[in-house]
Amino acid sequence: MENNQIGDLRISGSGSAGGGRYNVVSISGSGKIIGDLNCERFRISGSGKVDGSITTNDFGISGSGKVTRDLKCARGSISGSGKVEGSVYGGSFTISGSGVVEGNFKGDEFAINGSGKVGGRISGTAVKLYGAVSVGQGIEGEIIDIRGSLRTNNMVNGDQVSIEVGGRTEIEEIGATKVTVSKGIQGRGLVSRFFLKMFGGKDFDYLVAKTIEADEIYLENTIADVVRGGKIIIGEGCKIKKIEYSDSFEVKSETSIIDETIKL
């Protein structure tokens, strides 16, 4: 894109404009753009809206802004309660606050720090989810780091999956090379723990899963139907119906309950 041949589009207040190709696009306030955008840099500060798709190198929403279709960006962020109603494709994307991606994310790096939501599936090289997060269709990545509370109705699949439970975490199935589940930090702020517990319901501070399968597995505070792997170590606070192992199996705490153990 040759920036010296195209102009900028800036809306302040409640104005509106059509889509098109621009260098810098910014909306301050409740302005609206109708149509697809292709630009070098895009910003919403406030409750602005783009009724269309966006292709940009640098994307950012600060506030409650909205994009009604897909977003393609090299790097992007939502700070606040902003929303992308389509899917996000790109290099890196961060949600800080209660932002929402209603579709999928597919790219390199994806991070949530707060109470974000992804309606579809997350597919990335590095995925970091910190806080109270909801993912509709599962997670796929090489490095997956979860700290806090996660709910997904599908599979979490990665090379290395690390979960620090700080609320009720529900995952249908986990598949990885290495899985580590540990208790959350006990020193977490009293206010944040109060709200996590209030909305966490039963089995607060536990991972609840049907199946966990990996070459290497270490578990704390985990409730699962089946745990299957090569080397399995069970720490404290686990309730597991069946363990299937091929190499080694060890229980390190009397607080854990294992109903059945099978050597493969």
Protein backbone atom coordinates (compact mmCIF):
# COMPACT_ATOMS: atom_id res chain seq x y z
CA MET A 1 0.00 0.00 0.00
CA GLU A 2 1.47 3.40 -1.05
CA ASN A 3 0.45 5.71 1.79
CA ASN A 4 1.30 8.90 -0.15
CA GLN A 5 -1.46 8.16 -2.68
CA ILE A 6 -4.36 7.65 -0.31
CA GLY A 7 -5.89 9.79 2.42
CA ASP A 8 -7.06 9.41 5.99
CA LEU A 9 -10.60 9.04 7.30
CA ARG A 10 -11.34 10.57 10.69
CA ILE A 11 -14.79 10.78 12.29
CA SER A 12 -15.41 12.68 15.52
CA GLY A 13 -18.78 12.52 17.25
CA SER A 14 -21.73 10.93 15.50
CA GLY A 15 -20.81 11.40 11.85
CA SER A 16 -20.81 8.69 9.19
CA ALA A 17 -18.86 7.77 6.06
CA GLY A 18 -18.56 5.06 3.45
CA GLY A 19 -15.97 2.31 3.34
CA GLY A 20 -13.03 2.14 0.98
CA ARG A 21 -9.24 2.29 0.96
CA TYR A 22 -7.45 4.66 3.32
CA ASN A 23 -4.20 5.17 5.16
CA VAL A 24 -5.41 5.88 8.74
CA VAL A 25 -9.04 5.44 9.85
CA SER A 26 -10.19 6.67 13.26
CA ILE A 27 -13.58 7.01 14.93
CA SER A 28 -13.86 9.05 18.13
CA GLY A 29 -17.33 8.82 19.65
CA SER A 30 -20.34 7.10 18.09
CA GLY A 31 -19.47 7.54 14.42
CA LYS A 32 -20.28 4.91 11.80
CA ILE A 33 -18.63 3.59 8.65
CA ILE A 34 -20.79 1.70 6.16
CA GLY A 35 -18.92 -0.71 3.91
CA ASP A 36 -15.68 -2.69 3.89
CA LEU A 37 -12.40 -1.01 4.85
CA ASN A 38 -8.82 -1.53 3.72
CA CYS A 39 -6.35 0.63 5.62
CA GLU A 40 -2.90 0.77 7.19
CA ARG A 41 -4.13 1.67 10.70
CA PHE A 42 -7.58 1.56 12.31
CA ARG A 43 -8.81 2.90 15.65
CA ILE A 44 -12.16 3.23 17.47
CA SER A 45 -12.26 5.24 20.67
CA GLY A 46 -15.79 5.07 22.08
CA SER A 47 -18.86 3.34 20.65
CA GLY A 48 -18.14 3.68 16.94
CA LYS A 49 -19.20 1.04 14.45
CA VAL A 50 -18.01 -0.41 11.16
CA ASP A 51 -20.83 -2.08 9.26
CA GLY A 52 -18.54 -4.24 7.14
CA SER A 53 -15.19 -6.04 7.17
CA ILE A 54 -11.75 -4.59 7.91
CA THR A 55 -8.33 -5.41 6.46
CA THR A 56 -5.52 -3.54 8.22
CA ASN A 57 -2.02 -3.88 9.61
CA ASP A 58 -2.80 -2.26 12.97
CA PHE A 59 -6.26 -2.53 14.62
CA GLY A 60 -7.51 -1.23 17.94
CA ILE A 61 -10.77 -0.64 19.82
CA SER A 62 -10.82 1.29 23.09
CA GLY A 63 -14.36 1.23 24.49
CA SER A 64 -17.47 -0.47 23.12
CA GLY A 65 -16.87 -0.20 19.39
CA LYS A 66 -18.11 -2.83 16.97
CA VAL A 67 -17.14 -4.48 13.67
CA THR A 68 -20.01 -6.39 12.07
CA ARG A 69 -17.99 -8.69 9.78
CA ASP A 70 -14.53 -10.30 9.59
CA LEU A 71 -11.28 -8.64 10.65
CA LYS A 72 -7.88 -9.32 9.07
CA CYS A 73 -4.96 -7.68 10.85
CA ALA A 74 -1.24 -8.12 11.45
CA ARG A 75 -1.75 -7.01 15.05
CA GLY A 76 -4.86 -5.99 16.92
CA SER A 77 -6.37 -5.31 20.32
CA ILE A 78 -9.65 -4.71 22.10
CA SER A 79 -9.47 -2.72 25.32
CA GLY A 80 -12.89 -2.58 26.99
CA SER A 81 -16.10 -4.20 25.75
CA GLY A 82 -15.54 -3.95 22.01
CA LYS A 83 -16.86 -6.63 19.67
CA VAL A 84 -15.99 -8.28 16.35
CA GLU A 85 -19.12 -10.04 15.13
CA GLY A 86 -17.22 -12.03 12.51
CA SER A 87 -13.92 -13.90 12.73
CA VAL A 88 -10.41 -12.54 13.32
CA TYR A 89 -7.47 -13.58 11.14
CA GLY A 90 -4.01 -12.26 11.84
CA GLY A 91 -0.65 -12.28 13.51
CA SER A 92 -1.34 -11.27 17.10
CA PHE A 93 -4.53 -10.24 18.88
CA THR A 94 -5.17 -9.21 22.50
CA ILE A 95 -8.37 -8.65 24.48
CA SER A 96 -8.07 -6.66 27.71
CA GLY A 97 -11.40 -6.36 29.52
CA SER A 98 -14.65 -7.95 28.35
CA GLY A 99 -14.18 -7.90 24.60
CA VAL A 100 -15.90 -10.40 22.31
CA VAL A 101 -15.02 -12.19 19.06
CA GLU A 102 -18.22 -13.92 17.96
CA GLY A 103 -16.55 -16.01 15.26
CA ASN A 104 -13.15 -17.75 15.20
CA PHE A 105 -9.59 -16.60 15.72
CA LYS A 106 -6.91 -17.99 13.41
CA GLY A 107 -3.37 -16.65 13.58
CA ASP A 108 -0.10 -16.67 15.50
CA GLU A 109 -0.70 -15.24 18.99
CA PHE A 110 -3.97 -14.79 20.88
CA ALA A 111 -4.33 -13.46 24.43
CA ILE A 112 -7.17 -12.54 26.78
CA ASN A 113 -6.63 -10.75 30.07
CA GLY A 114 -10.01 -10.20 31.73
CA SER A 115 -13.40 -11.72 30.94
CA GLY A 116 -13.27 -12.08 27.18
CA LYS A 117 -15.29 -14.39 24.97
CA VAL A 118 -14.70 -16.19 21.66
CA GLY A 119 -17.85 -17.71 20.20
CA GLY A 120 -16.04 -20.02 17.78
CA ARG A 121 -12.63 -21.69 17.82
CA ILE A 122 -9.16 -20.38 18.69
CA SER A 123 -6.34 -21.64 16.46
CA GLY A 124 -2.94 -20.11 17.19
CA THR A 125 0.71 -20.85 17.80
CA ALA A 126 0.65 -19.30 21.30
CA VAL A 127 -2.60 -18.93 23.26
CA LYS A 128 -2.72 -17.17 26.65
CA LEU A 129 -6.04 -16.92 28.49
CA TYR A 130 -5.92 -15.15 31.86
CA GLY A 131 -9.14 -14.41 33.78
CA ALA A 132 -12.69 -15.65 33.23
CA VAL A 133 -12.83 -16.77 29.59
CA SER A 134 -15.45 -18.50 27.44
CA VAL A 135 -14.56 -20.26 24.16
CA GLY A 136 -17.39 -21.87 22.23
CA GLN A 137 -15.66 -24.39 19.95
CA GLY A 138 -12.35 -25.30 21.57
CA ILE A 139 -8.69 -24.30 21.32
CA GLU A 140 -5.79 -25.48 19.18
CA GLY A 141 -2.21 -24.29 19.57
CA GLU A 142 1.40 -25.24 20.21
CA ILE A 143 1.69 -23.48 23.59
CA ILE A 144 -1.57 -23.02 25.54
CA ASP A 145 -1.42 -21.21 28.89
CA ILE A 146 -4.64 -20.87 30.92
CA ARG A 147 -4.81 -19.06 34.26
CA GLY A 148 -8.15 -18.53 35.96
CA SER A 149 -11.48 -19.88 34.73
CA LEU A 150 -12.17 -21.27 31.26
CA ARG A 151 -15.31 -22.82 29.80
CA THR A 152 -15.38 -24.54 26.43
CA ASN A 153 -17.70 -27.20 25.04
CA ASN A 154 -15.02 -28.71 22.84
CA MET A 155 -11.42 -29.91 22.81
CA VAL A 156 -8.22 -28.17 23.91
CA ASN A 157 -5.45 -29.57 21.71
CA GLY A 158 -1.81 -28.50 21.89
CA ASP A 159 1.82 -29.44 22.26
CA GLN A 160 2.13 -28.02 25.79
CA VAL A 161 -1.03 -27.25 27.80
CA SER A 162 -0.59 -25.50 31.15
CA ILE A 163 -3.60 -24.73 33.37
CA GLU A 164 -3.50 -22.82 36.65
CA VAL A 165 -7.03 -23.21 38.01
CA GLY A 166 -8.48 -20.08 39.58
CA GLY A 167 -12.20 -20.80 39.31
CA ARG A 168 -14.29 -23.56 37.77
CA THR A 169 -12.69 -24.62 34.49
CA GLU A 170 -14.72 -26.88 32.18
CA ILE A 171 -13.11 -28.54 29.17
CA GLU A 172 -14.69 -31.41 27.23
CA GLU A 173 -11.38 -33.05 26.27
CA ILE A 174 -7.66 -32.24 26.49
CA GLY A 175 -5.11 -33.74 24.09
CA ALA A 176 -1.43 -32.79 24.15
CA THR A 177 2.18 -33.89 24.36
CA LYS A 178 2.45 -32.49 27.90
CA VAL A 179 -0.35 -31.40 30.27
CA THR A 180 0.19 -29.62 33.59
CA VAL A 181 -2.71 -28.63 35.86
CA SER A 182 -1.98 -26.79 39.11
CA LYS A 183 -3.92 -25.00 41.83
CA GLY A 184 -4.39 -21.28 41.43
CA ILE A 185 -2.40 -18.77 43.44
CA GLN A 186 -3.89 -18.64 46.90
CA GLY A 187 -2.88 -15.03 47.31
CA ARG A 188 -5.20 -13.89 44.52
CA GLY A 189 -7.05 -10.67 45.45
CA LEU A 190 -10.06 -11.22 47.70
CA VAL A 191 -12.42 -9.23 45.47
CA SER A 192 -11.48 -11.10 42.27
CA ARG A 193 -11.74 -14.46 44.06
CA PHE A 194 -15.17 -13.49 45.44
CA PHE A 195 -16.57 -12.83 41.95
CA LEU A 196 -14.91 -15.93 40.46
CA LYS A 197 -16.42 -18.05 43.21
CA MET A 198 -19.84 -16.39 42.96
CA PHE A 199 -20.07 -17.18 39.24
CA GLY A 200 -18.00 -20.39 39.39
CA GLY A 201 -20.70 -22.45 41.09
CA LYS A 202 -19.99 -26.07 42.05
CA ASP A 203 -16.39 -27.37 42.06
CA PHE A 204 -14.82 -23.92 42.32
CA ASP A 205 -11.03 -24.01 41.85
CA TYR A 206 -11.21 -27.30 39.91
CA LEU A 207 -10.65 -28.41 36.34
CA VAL A 208 -13.57 -30.58 35.21
CA ALA A 209 -12.96 -32.69 32.08
CA LYS A 210 -14.21 -35.91 30.50
CA THR A 211 -10.89 -37.03 28.99
CA ILE A 212 -7.27 -35.92 29.43
CA GLU A 213 -4.69 -37.60 27.16
CA ALA A 214 -0.97 -36.81 26.79
CA ASP A 215 2.51 -38.34 26.85
CA GLU A 216 3.27 -36.58 30.16
CA ILE A 217 0.58 -35.54 32.67
CA TYR A 218 0.72 -33.81 36.05
CA LEU A 219 -2.61 -32.98 37.74
CA GLU A 220 -3.84 -31.09 40.79
CA ASN A 221 -7.45 -30.15 41.63
CA THR A 222 -8.79 -32.10 38.66
CA ILE A 223 -12.08 -33.98 38.27
CA ALA A 224 -12.00 -36.28 35.24
CA ASP A 225 -13.61 -39.43 33.85
CA VAL A 226 -10.51 -40.76 32.05
CA VAL A 227 -6.83 -39.78 32.25
CA ARG A 228 -4.69 -41.58 29.68
CA GLY A 229 -0.97 -41.21 29.02
CA GLY A 230 2.58 -42.46 29.22
CA LYS A 231 3.89 -40.89 32.42
CA ILE A 232 1.16 -39.75 34.86
CA ILE A 233 1.65 -38.01 38.22
CA ILE A 234 -1.37 -37.16 40.38
CA GLY A 235 -0.96 -34.38 42.93
CA GLU A 236 -3.47 -33.20 45.53
CA GLY A 237 -7.21 -32.67 45.21
CA CYS A 238 -7.96 -34.97 42.26
CA LYS A 239 -11.07 -37.13 41.68
CA ILE A 240 -10.54 -39.44 38.72
CA LYS A 241 -12.67 -42.40 37.65
CA LYS A 242 -10.11 -44.19 35.47
CA ILE A 243 -6.38 -43.85 34.80
CA GLU A 244 -4.74 -45.66 31.88
CA TYR A 245 -0.94 -45.46 31.68
CA SER A 246 1.79 -47.10 29.60
CA ASP A 247 5.06 -46.06 31.30
CA SER A 248 4.65 -44.92 34.92
CA PHE A 249 1.98 -43.80 37.38
CA GLU A 250 2.33 -42.10 40.77
CA VAL A 251 -0.06 -40.57 43.33
CA LYS A 252 1.64 -37.96 45.52
CA SER A 253 -1.25 -37.01 47.82
CA GLU A 254 -3.75 -38.88 49.97
CA THR A 255 -6.32 -36.18 49.15
CA SER A 256 -6.74 -37.60 45.63
CA ILE A 257 -9.21 -40.39 44.80
CA ILE A 258 -8.66 -42.79 41.88
CA ASP A 259 -11.42 -45.33 41.22
CA GLU A 260 -9.64 -47.54 38.66
CA THR A 261 -6.08 -47.88 37.34
CA ILE A 262 -5.11 -49.81 34.19
CA LYS A 263 -1.60 -50.53 32.90
CA LEU A 264 -1.67 -50.50 29.11
